[in-house]
Amino acid sequence: MLTDIILYLLQLIQYLYQQNCWLLNFICRYIPLRQWAFDDSHSPKYQKFKTDELPVIKTFIKQDWQFLLKYYEWKYHKFLKPVQRRNGRTISEDICCPVCGAPHHYIYDNNGNNGQYQCKVCGQTFSSGEHTTTPLRFFCPHCSHSLVAIKDRSFFRVHKCINPKCPYYLHNLDNVDPEHLKEYFGKNKYKLHYIYREFTVGFFKMDISSLPKNASSLKFTKHNSHIMSLCLTFHINLGLSLRKTSQALKDLYDISISHQQIANYCKTAAMVVKPFVDNMPGKWQLLIYLGQQTILQM
């Protein structure tokens, strides 16, 4: 009896293998595989819905021009001379490098009295009156070009790579139909440049006095933000009750958390979402508002 069952299973496996071979042969003959590379999901029209990778972030470090001069002398065994101005143009004594603080003796007039200068000590290019004190600087991960802030919204700031030779931009430009580019503002219909959105909302900076009763202050002591995201996923996305969410976290991740703490996280999340709800017009505001009120009534 056991031998007959094994023989039947082997015949069934061979039959399914033949069916798979027939399907692969049919696909290779009658379905052009090259068409899959130009499927609608790869169309440049859907580029706006894709999220770009994170930029290269560099922090601002204030430097000392006297230390850089000594380092230059130690490395090259010669002293870095001040700028020799042979064209008769002078630079105001008030202008100094915003990065290293080098005086006007080491500052180049970079574009002929049009307000742009370059430091000979650190190589920084800056404009007249510019103060480089930004704690963070964003760079394109594809061409290492610095990003430019083009839009400033209520909760985020849009940074864009404007380098015309960026490989990311050239790749997206090649995928666009040339006939569409000939139209009026044809390039503006597509997302071609690298874009990064810097959110300026302090998600985890909550005013304790404005929180409702039993809400969490997001100053995690026993748990962290990852556990809070798991609680919201199971309770809101999967529709589990508070007690089932607590049991699921214990069974799946061995995380011991009470159902009351999960309810506190939900109330806090509703308060964080509220500023976005107040600035969303139309039906989306109504839908999110109803979901927020449902969380607050738990």
Protein backbone atom coordinates (compact mmCIF):
# COMPACT_ATOMS: atom_id res chain seq x y z
CA MET A 1 0.00 0.00 0.00
CA LEU A 2 2.79 2.43 0.89
CA THR A 3 4.61 1.58 -2.32
CA ASP A 4 1.54 2.46 -4.40
CA ILE A 5 1.24 5.85 -2.68
CA ILE A 6 4.91 6.69 -3.31
CA LEU A 7 4.59 5.62 -6.96
CA TYR A 8 1.49 7.80 -7.37
CA LEU A 9 3.25 10.83 -5.89
CA LEU A 10 6.24 10.34 -8.18
CA GLN A 11 3.97 10.20 -11.22
CA LEU A 12 2.17 13.34 -10.05
CA ILE A 13 5.50 15.18 -9.63
CA GLN A 14 6.56 14.19 -13.15
CA TYR A 15 3.22 15.36 -14.55
CA LEU A 16 3.51 18.75 -12.83
CA TYR A 17 7.08 19.09 -14.06
CA GLN A 18 5.93 18.49 -17.65
CA GLN A 19 3.18 21.08 -17.22
CA ASN A 20 5.72 23.65 -15.98
CA CYS A 21 7.99 22.95 -18.93
CA TRP A 22 5.06 23.40 -21.31
CA LEU A 23 4.09 26.72 -19.71
CA LEU A 24 7.68 28.03 -19.89
CA ASN A 25 7.90 27.01 -23.53
CA PHE A 26 4.61 28.74 -24.28
CA ILE A 27 5.73 31.96 -22.53
CA CYS A 28 9.07 32.03 -24.34
CA ARG A 29 7.41 31.54 -27.74
CA TYR A 30 4.34 33.75 -27.61
CA ILE A 31 5.02 36.36 -24.90
CA PRO A 32 7.85 38.80 -25.68
CA LEU A 33 9.96 39.09 -22.55
CA ARG A 34 11.46 42.38 -23.73
CA GLN A 35 8.06 43.98 -23.27
CA TRP A 36 8.26 43.39 -19.51
CA ALA A 37 11.20 45.79 -19.27
CA PHE A 38 8.94 48.55 -20.65
CA ASP A 39 5.92 47.70 -18.53
CA ASP A 40 3.74 50.49 -17.16
CA SER A 41 5.39 50.12 -13.77
CA HIS A 42 8.68 51.27 -15.36
CA SER A 43 7.09 54.19 -17.15
CA PRO A 44 8.48 57.64 -16.32
CA LYS A 45 4.90 58.77 -15.67
CA TYR A 46 4.99 56.85 -12.36
CA GLN A 47 8.31 58.37 -11.29
CA LYS A 48 6.47 60.88 -9.10
CA PHE A 49 5.12 58.04 -6.95
CA LYS A 50 8.57 56.58 -6.26
CA THR A 51 10.54 57.49 -3.17
CA ASP A 52 14.18 58.31 -3.76
CA GLU A 53 16.91 56.96 -1.56
CA LEU A 54 18.22 59.00 1.33
CA PRO A 55 20.78 61.73 0.59
CA VAL A 56 24.32 61.94 1.87
CA ILE A 57 24.20 64.00 5.06
CA LYS A 58 27.21 65.98 6.24
CA THR A 59 27.32 68.03 9.39
CA PHE A 60 28.76 71.54 9.47
CA ILE A 61 32.15 71.74 11.20
CA LYS A 62 33.60 75.14 12.01
CA GLN A 63 37.31 75.31 11.12
CA ASP A 64 40.21 77.50 12.15
CA TRP A 65 42.11 79.21 9.36
CA GLN A 66 45.30 79.56 11.43
CA PHE A 67 45.33 75.83 12.11
CA LEU A 68 44.83 75.15 8.39
CA LEU A 69 47.76 77.42 7.53
CA LYS A 70 50.02 75.54 9.93
CA TYR A 71 48.84 72.21 8.53
CA TYR A 72 49.54 73.43 5.00
CA GLU A 73 53.05 74.52 6.03
CA TRP A 74 53.70 71.17 7.74
CA LYS A 75 52.48 69.12 4.79
CA TYR A 76 54.01 71.04 1.85
CA HIS A 77 56.94 72.66 3.69
CA LYS A 78 56.02 76.12 2.48
CA PHE A 79 53.83 78.98 3.66
CA LEU A 80 50.48 79.70 2.01
CA LYS A 81 50.75 83.22 0.65
CA PRO A 82 47.83 85.68 0.63
CA VAL A 83 45.98 86.42 -2.58
CA GLN A 84 47.90 88.62 -5.02
CA ARG A 85 45.46 90.97 -6.74
CA ARG A 86 46.91 92.01 -10.08
CA ASN A 87 43.73 93.54 -11.53
CA GLY A 88 43.62 96.41 -9.05
CA ARG A 89 40.36 95.26 -7.46
CA THR A 90 40.08 95.20 -3.70
CA ILE A 91 37.87 93.33 -1.26
CA SER A 92 36.30 94.90 1.78
CA GLU A 93 38.00 94.18 5.08
CA ASP A 94 34.65 93.10 6.56
CA ILE A 95 34.48 90.04 4.31
CA CYS A 96 35.81 86.83 5.84
CA CYS A 97 35.32 83.13 5.18
CA PRO A 98 32.16 81.83 6.92
CA VAL A 99 33.70 78.35 7.36
CA CYS A 100 37.23 78.92 8.66
CA GLY A 101 37.16 82.67 9.41
CA ALA A 102 40.05 83.58 7.09
CA PRO A 103 40.42 87.38 6.63
CA HIS A 104 40.04 89.23 3.35
CA HIS A 105 43.74 88.72 2.51
CA TYR A 106 42.94 85.06 1.63
CA ILE A 107 39.65 85.69 -0.19
CA TYR A 108 39.35 85.52 -3.99
CA ASP A 109 36.92 87.68 -5.96
CA ASN A 110 35.36 84.72 -7.70
CA ASN A 111 33.11 86.40 -10.28
CA GLY A 112 34.24 89.98 -10.75
CA ASN A 113 32.61 92.03 -7.97
CA ASN A 114 29.26 90.26 -8.39
CA GLY A 115 29.11 89.08 -4.81
CA GLN A 116 30.70 85.62 -4.96
CA TYR A 117 33.96 84.83 -3.21
CA GLN A 118 36.22 81.85 -2.59
CA CYS A 119 38.50 81.17 0.35
CA LYS A 120 42.08 80.24 -0.53
CA VAL A 121 42.59 78.47 2.82
CA CYS A 122 39.67 76.02 2.90
CA GLY A 123 38.33 76.35 -0.67
CA GLN A 124 34.82 77.32 0.43
CA THR A 125 32.75 79.31 -2.09
CA PHE A 126 30.29 81.76 -0.57
CA SER A 127 28.32 84.90 -1.30
CA SER A 128 28.56 88.32 0.31
CA GLY A 129 26.93 88.34 3.73
CA GLU A 130 26.43 84.58 3.80
CA HIS A 131 26.77 82.81 7.14
CA THR A 132 27.41 79.08 6.86
CA THR A 133 26.00 77.84 10.15
CA THR A 134 23.61 75.16 8.85
CA PRO A 135 24.02 72.09 11.09
CA LEU A 136 23.27 69.67 8.25
CA ARG A 137 24.01 69.68 4.52
CA PHE A 138 22.41 67.33 2.03
CA PHE A 139 24.18 65.93 -1.03
CA CYS A 140 22.85 63.92 -3.95
CA PRO A 141 23.73 60.21 -3.56
CA HIS A 142 24.19 59.87 -7.33
CA CYS A 143 26.47 62.80 -8.21
CA SER A 144 27.53 64.18 -4.77
CA HIS A 145 26.19 67.60 -5.76
CA SER A 146 24.77 69.72 -2.93
CA LEU A 147 20.98 69.87 -2.81
CA VAL A 148 19.14 73.18 -3.12
CA ALA A 149 16.05 73.99 -1.03
CA ILE A 150 13.42 74.95 -3.62
CA LYS A 151 10.19 74.82 -1.59
CA ASP A 152 9.34 75.45 2.04
CA ARG A 153 6.06 74.00 3.25
CA SER A 154 4.40 73.98 6.66
CA PHE A 155 5.79 70.62 7.76
CA PHE A 156 8.61 69.84 5.34
CA ARG A 157 11.23 71.40 3.07
CA VAL A 158 11.90 70.17 -0.48
CA HIS A 159 15.54 69.78 -1.53
CA LYS A 160 16.43 69.21 -5.18
CA CYS A 161 19.56 68.27 -7.11
CA ILE A 162 19.91 70.81 -9.93
CA ASN A 163 23.04 69.30 -11.46
CA PRO A 164 22.30 68.91 -15.22
CA LYS A 165 24.95 66.18 -15.49
CA CYS A 166 23.59 64.04 -12.65
CA PRO A 167 23.39 60.38 -13.81
CA TYR A 168 20.04 59.99 -12.07
CA TYR A 169 18.61 62.92 -14.04
CA LEU A 170 20.11 61.76 -17.34
CA HIS A 171 18.76 58.23 -16.85
CA ASN A 172 15.22 59.50 -16.21
CA LEU A 173 15.49 61.91 -19.12
CA ASP A 174 16.39 59.08 -21.52
CA ASN A 175 13.25 57.16 -20.53
CA VAL A 176 10.94 60.03 -21.48
CA ASP A 177 9.47 60.07 -24.96
CA PRO A 178 11.24 62.82 -26.99
CA GLU A 179 7.89 63.96 -28.37
CA HIS A 180 6.68 64.77 -24.86
CA LEU A 181 9.77 66.87 -24.20
CA LYS A 182 8.95 69.07 -27.18
CA GLU A 183 5.66 70.10 -25.58
CA TYR A 184 5.26 73.30 -23.60
CA PHE A 185 6.77 72.65 -20.14
CA GLY A 186 7.15 69.01 -21.12
CA LYS A 187 9.87 68.30 -18.56
CA ASN A 188 7.71 69.61 -15.72
CA LYS A 189 5.25 66.77 -16.23
CA TYR A 190 7.83 64.26 -15.02
CA LYS A 191 9.95 63.86 -11.91
CA LEU A 192 13.44 63.82 -13.39
CA HIS A 193 15.72 65.30 -10.72
CA TYR A 194 16.57 63.77 -7.39
CA ILE A 195 14.27 65.16 -4.66
CA TYR A 196 14.43 64.82 -0.90
CA ARG A 197 11.84 66.03 1.61
CA GLU A 198 13.17 67.17 4.96
CA PHE A 199 10.37 67.01 7.53
CA THR A 200 10.54 69.80 10.07
CA VAL A 201 7.86 68.45 12.41
CA GLY A 202 9.09 67.26 15.79
CA PHE A 203 7.15 64.00 15.90
CA PHE A 204 8.55 63.00 19.28
CA LYS A 205 8.42 66.46 20.89
CA MET A 206 5.03 66.60 22.52
CA ASP A 207 3.72 69.19 24.95
CA ILE A 208 2.79 67.16 28.01
CA SER A 209 0.20 69.73 29.15
CA SER A 210 -1.67 69.45 25.82
CA LEU A 211 -1.90 65.65 25.83
CA PRO A 212 -5.19 63.98 26.74
CA LYS A 213 -5.57 61.81 29.81
CA ASN A 214 -3.52 58.58 29.87
CA ALA A 215 -1.59 59.57 26.72
CA SER A 216 2.13 58.79 26.44
CA SER A 217 4.72 61.56 26.27
CA LEU A 218 6.86 59.58 23.78
CA LYS A 219 9.79 59.71 26.19
CA PHE A 220 10.36 55.98 26.06
CA THR A 221 11.83 54.39 29.19
CA LYS A 222 10.91 50.70 29.00
CA HIS A 223 9.87 50.48 25.31
CA ASN A 224 10.98 52.33 22.16
CA SER A 225 9.48 53.79 18.98
CA HIS A 226 9.76 50.45 17.13
CA ILE A 227 7.51 48.73 19.68
CA MET A 228 5.06 51.62 19.40
CA SER A 229 4.93 51.15 15.61
CA LEU A 230 4.19 47.44 16.10
CA CYS A 231 1.34 48.31 18.45
CA LEU A 232 -0.19 50.72 15.93
CA THR A 233 0.25 48.22 13.07
CA PHE A 234 -1.51 45.36 14.86
CA HIS A 235 -4.23 47.47 16.44
CA ILE A 236 -5.10 49.86 13.58
CA ASN A 237 -3.95 48.20 10.34
CA LEU A 238 -4.92 44.63 11.32
CA GLY A 239 -7.94 45.64 13.41
CA LEU A 240 -6.99 43.65 16.51
CA SER A 241 -8.36 44.59 19.90
CA LEU A 242 -6.11 46.01 22.59
CA ARG A 243 -5.87 42.71 24.46
CA LYS A 244 -5.29 40.69 21.27
CA THR A 245 -2.58 43.14 20.23
CA SER A 246 -0.88 42.68 23.59
CA GLN A 247 -1.10 38.89 23.23
CA ALA A 248 0.21 38.99 19.64
CA LEU A 249 3.27 41.00 20.66
CA LYS A 250 3.95 38.50 23.45
CA ASP A 251 3.57 35.43 21.20
CA LEU A 252 5.38 36.75 18.12
CA TYR A 253 8.10 39.03 19.55
CA ASP A 254 8.16 38.11 23.27
CA ILE A 255 7.31 41.73 24.12
CA SER A 256 5.41 42.19 27.37
CA ILE A 257 3.22 45.29 27.12
CA SER A 258 -0.17 45.96 28.67
CA HIS A 259 -3.29 46.73 26.68
CA GLN A 260 -3.59 50.06 28.51
CA GLN A 261 -0.14 51.14 27.29
CA ILE A 262 -1.19 50.29 23.72
CA ALA A 263 -4.26 52.51 24.17
CA ASN A 264 -2.00 55.31 25.41
CA TYR A 265 0.20 54.99 22.31
CA CYS A 266 -2.88 55.21 20.07
CA LYS A 267 -4.05 58.41 21.76
CA THR A 268 -0.60 59.95 21.39
CA ALA A 269 -0.45 58.96 17.71
CA ALA A 270 -3.80 60.67 17.16
CA MET A 271 -2.41 63.88 18.64
CA VAL A 272 0.65 63.68 16.36
CA VAL A 273 -1.55 63.18 13.29
CA LYS A 274 -3.84 66.07 14.19
CA PRO A 275 -1.68 68.88 12.66
CA PHE A 276 -1.68 67.05 9.33
CA VAL A 277 -5.44 66.51 9.51
CA ASP A 278 -6.12 70.20 10.10
CA ASN A 279 -4.26 71.16 6.90
CA MET A 280 -5.74 68.50 4.60
CA PRO A 281 -8.73 69.74 2.59
CA GLY A 282 -11.62 67.79 1.18
CA LYS A 283 -12.60 64.18 1.67
CA TRP A 284 -9.17 63.10 2.94
CA GLN A 285 -9.55 65.39 5.94
CA LEU A 286 -12.93 63.87 6.74
CA LEU A 287 -11.69 60.29 6.48
CA ILE A 288 -8.60 60.85 8.63
CA TYR A 289 -10.61 62.90 11.10
CA LEU A 290 -13.09 60.05 11.56
CA GLY A 291 -10.23 57.62 12.09
CA GLN A 292 -8.66 59.96 14.62
CA GLN A 293 -11.89 60.31 16.56
CA THR A 294 -12.24 56.53 16.62
CA ILE A 295 -8.79 56.22 18.21
CA LEU A 296 -9.51 58.96 20.75
CA GLN A 297 -12.73 57.25 21.85
CA MET A 298 -11.00 53.97 22.72
